[in-house]
Amino acid sequence: MSTLQSPSFTIDLEHLEEDGPSQECKDIDIEKGQLSEYHGFWIPTWSLEGVMASQKQFQARDTDVLLVTAPKVGTTWLKAILFALVNRMHYPNLQEHPLLTNLPHALVPILEGDMYNKKKVKDLNHASPKLLSTHMPYNLLPTSVKNSTCKIVYVYRNPKDTFVHFGIS
């Protein structure tokens, strides 16, 4: 049996090496939470409902901007930068800029978390362009995103650097 170990959790890799037909969703317990396998990807269980709901209900517009990142690759910084760029004309007085009083996560909602989790869908139809973020891999993005000409800002970071950032060695 092969395992991946770190100071905070252990994952049994046999779950990842199954040859049989996979179920729609499998679960794995981790000390600090739970992951679920959904269509071949391990995602946090708390966001699973939001992922499935956004796939069915989210309608992307051509003017939307979607920040697609893996966790812990600089998402917060990029949310702040994108928000500042997209809204630079709306806040000419920098002393009143929303980034001075709000966290970037409050200004740029997470598609599968803030918008479609817990059966609460935020209405962003008035916003143009909509600025959203997600930790979903490209294959799990809603079809409307893939079929539109919305802008996708995809951020990749070397996994080794991400583990170093976490303090896992």
Protein backbone atom coordinates (compact mmCIF):
# COMPACT_ATOMS: atom_id res chain seq x y z
CA MET A 1 0.00 0.00 0.00
CA SER A 2 1.50 3.36 -1.01
CA THR A 3 0.81 6.47 1.00
CA LEU A 4 1.58 10.15 0.79
CA GLN A 5 2.52 11.52 4.21
CA SER A 6 3.06 14.98 5.58
CA PRO A 7 3.14 16.33 9.12
CA SER A 8 -0.60 17.04 9.05
CA PHE A 9 -2.25 14.27 6.99
CA THR A 10 -1.87 10.91 5.26
CA ILE A 11 -3.57 9.97 1.98
CA ASP A 12 -3.84 6.35 0.90
CA LEU A 13 -2.78 6.36 -2.76
CA GLU A 14 -4.64 3.10 -3.48
CA HIS A 15 -7.76 5.26 -3.87
CA LEU A 16 -6.01 7.04 -6.71
CA GLU A 17 -4.87 3.87 -8.47
CA GLU A 18 -8.19 2.06 -8.89
CA ASP A 19 -8.75 0.45 -12.29
CA GLY A 20 -12.47 -0.20 -12.00
CA PRO A 21 -15.23 2.17 -13.00
CA SER A 22 -15.19 5.16 -10.68
CA GLN A 23 -18.27 6.36 -8.90
CA GLU A 24 -19.42 9.91 -9.51
CA CYS A 25 -18.00 10.93 -6.17
CA LYS A 26 -15.70 9.20 -3.67
CA ASP A 27 -14.67 10.57 -0.30
CA ILE A 28 -11.37 10.58 1.57
CA ASP A 29 -10.99 11.84 5.13
CA ILE A 30 -8.15 14.16 5.98
CA GLU A 31 -7.34 15.42 9.44
CA LYS A 32 -8.20 19.03 8.57
CA GLY A 33 -11.16 18.34 6.31
CA GLN A 34 -12.42 16.02 3.65
CA LEU A 35 -11.78 15.65 -0.07
CA SER A 36 -14.13 14.14 -2.63
CA GLU A 37 -13.23 12.68 -6.00
CA TYR A 38 -15.50 14.17 -8.62
CA HIS A 39 -14.99 13.31 -12.30
CA GLY A 40 -11.36 12.37 -11.65
CA PHE A 41 -10.41 15.42 -9.53
CA TRP A 42 -9.99 15.68 -5.76
CA ILE A 43 -11.83 18.73 -4.48
CA PRO A 44 -12.80 19.90 -0.97
CA THR A 45 -16.09 18.29 0.03
CA TRP A 46 -17.46 21.62 1.30
CA SER A 47 -17.36 22.97 -2.26
CA LEU A 48 -18.77 19.89 -4.04
CA GLU A 49 -22.36 21.13 -3.96
CA GLY A 50 -21.23 24.50 -5.31
CA VAL A 51 -19.21 22.89 -8.11
CA MET A 52 -22.18 20.82 -9.28
CA ALA A 53 -24.63 23.74 -8.99
CA SER A 54 -22.34 26.14 -10.89
CA GLN A 55 -21.89 23.57 -13.68
CA LYS A 56 -25.66 23.43 -14.14
CA GLN A 57 -26.69 27.04 -13.50
CA PHE A 58 -23.86 29.51 -14.19
CA GLN A 59 -24.23 31.44 -17.43
CA ALA A 60 -21.02 33.11 -18.51
CA ARG A 61 -21.11 36.30 -20.53
CA ASP A 62 -18.49 37.31 -23.05
CA THR A 63 -17.47 40.24 -20.83
CA ASP A 64 -16.82 38.09 -17.74
CA VAL A 65 -13.34 37.61 -16.29
CA LEU A 66 -12.66 34.34 -14.48
CA LEU A 67 -9.54 33.86 -12.36
CA VAL A 68 -8.75 30.11 -12.36
CA THR A 69 -6.12 29.02 -9.85
CA ALA A 70 -5.11 26.06 -7.76
CA PRO A 71 -5.18 26.74 -4.02
CA LYS A 72 -2.16 28.50 -2.54
CA VAL A 73 -0.68 29.90 -5.75
CA GLY A 74 -1.21 33.61 -5.07
CA THR A 75 -4.96 33.85 -5.60
CA THR A 76 -5.44 36.67 -3.07
CA TRP A 77 -2.82 38.88 -4.70
CA LEU A 78 -4.21 38.19 -8.15
CA LYS A 79 -7.77 38.97 -7.03
CA ALA A 80 -6.57 42.35 -5.78
CA ILE A 81 -4.66 43.09 -8.99
CA LEU A 82 -7.54 42.05 -11.26
CA PHE A 83 -10.10 43.98 -9.21
CA ALA A 84 -7.92 47.11 -9.38
CA LEU A 85 -7.43 46.74 -13.15
CA VAL A 86 -11.05 45.98 -14.03
CA ASN A 87 -12.42 48.76 -11.81
CA ARG A 88 -9.73 51.42 -12.28
CA MET A 89 -12.18 53.87 -13.89
CA HIS A 90 -14.84 53.43 -11.19
CA TYR A 91 -12.61 54.66 -8.34
CA PRO A 92 -10.67 57.76 -9.46
CA ASN A 93 -10.22 58.82 -5.81
CA LEU A 94 -7.76 56.28 -4.47
CA GLN A 95 -8.56 57.26 -0.87
CA GLU A 96 -11.99 55.65 -1.36
CA HIS A 97 -10.86 52.50 -3.17
CA PRO A 98 -12.62 49.34 -1.88
CA LEU A 99 -9.32 47.47 -1.57
CA LEU A 100 -8.36 49.79 1.28
CA THR A 101 -11.23 48.53 3.45
CA ASN A 102 -12.11 45.09 2.02
CA LEU A 103 -10.26 41.84 1.51
CA PRO A 104 -9.91 40.77 -2.14
CA HIS A 105 -11.98 37.66 -1.35
CA ALA A 106 -14.94 39.91 -0.44
CA LEU A 107 -14.65 41.81 -3.75
CA VAL A 108 -14.09 38.85 -6.09
CA PRO A 109 -16.51 36.00 -5.27
CA ILE A 110 -15.54 32.34 -5.60
CA LEU A 111 -17.78 30.69 -8.17
CA GLU A 112 -18.22 27.35 -6.40
CA GLY A 113 -18.02 28.80 -2.89
CA ASP A 114 -19.57 32.23 -2.55
CA MET A 115 -21.99 32.03 -5.45
CA TYR A 116 -23.37 28.50 -5.60
CA ASN A 117 -22.65 26.92 -2.22
CA LYS A 118 -25.41 26.27 0.33
CA LYS A 119 -28.14 26.84 -2.25
CA LYS A 120 -27.59 30.61 -2.19
CA VAL A 121 -26.95 32.12 -5.61
CA LYS A 122 -25.69 35.69 -5.68
CA ASP A 123 -27.10 37.93 -8.39
CA LEU A 124 -24.26 39.52 -10.34
CA ASN A 125 -26.24 40.27 -13.48
CA HIS A 126 -25.87 44.00 -12.93
CA ALA A 127 -22.07 43.81 -12.83
CA SER A 128 -20.27 44.16 -16.11
CA PRO A 129 -17.80 42.70 -16.41
CA LYS A 130 -18.35 40.06 -13.73
CA LEU A 131 -15.09 39.29 -11.98
CA LEU A 132 -15.07 35.80 -10.43
CA SER A 133 -12.55 33.28 -9.19
CA THR A 134 -12.50 29.51 -8.93
CA HIS A 135 -10.28 26.65 -7.85
CA MET A 136 -12.01 24.26 -10.27
CA PRO A 137 -9.80 22.64 -12.91
CA TYR A 138 -10.63 23.58 -16.51
CA ASN A 139 -12.44 20.27 -17.15
CA LEU A 140 -14.92 21.01 -14.34
CA LEU A 141 -15.71 24.59 -15.40
CA PRO A 142 -19.31 25.20 -16.45
CA THR A 143 -19.99 24.57 -20.14
CA SER A 144 -21.12 28.19 -20.53
CA VAL A 145 -17.58 29.32 -19.63
CA LYS A 146 -15.99 27.01 -22.19
CA ASN A 147 -18.46 28.01 -24.91
CA SER A 148 -18.20 31.76 -24.33
CA THR A 149 -15.44 34.17 -25.15
CA CYS A 150 -15.11 35.28 -21.54
CA LYS A 151 -11.58 35.95 -20.37
CA ILE A 152 -9.92 33.21 -18.32
CA VAL A 153 -6.86 34.18 -16.30
CA TYR A 154 -5.22 30.83 -15.51
CA VAL A 155 -2.46 30.79 -12.93
CA TYR A 156 -0.12 27.85 -12.58
CA ARG A 157 2.58 27.40 -9.98
CA ASN A 158 5.16 24.67 -9.75
CA PRO A 159 3.71 22.14 -7.26
CA LYS A 160 7.08 21.92 -5.50
CA ASP A 161 6.93 25.66 -4.78
CA THR A 162 3.37 25.27 -3.49
CA PHE A 163 4.48 22.56 -1.03
CA VAL A 164 7.36 24.76 0.12
CA HIS A 165 4.86 27.61 0.59
CA PHE A 166 2.75 25.28 2.76
CA GLY A 167 5.80 24.30 4.78
CA ILE A 168 5.48 20.65 3.74
CA SER A 169 8.75 18.90 3.06
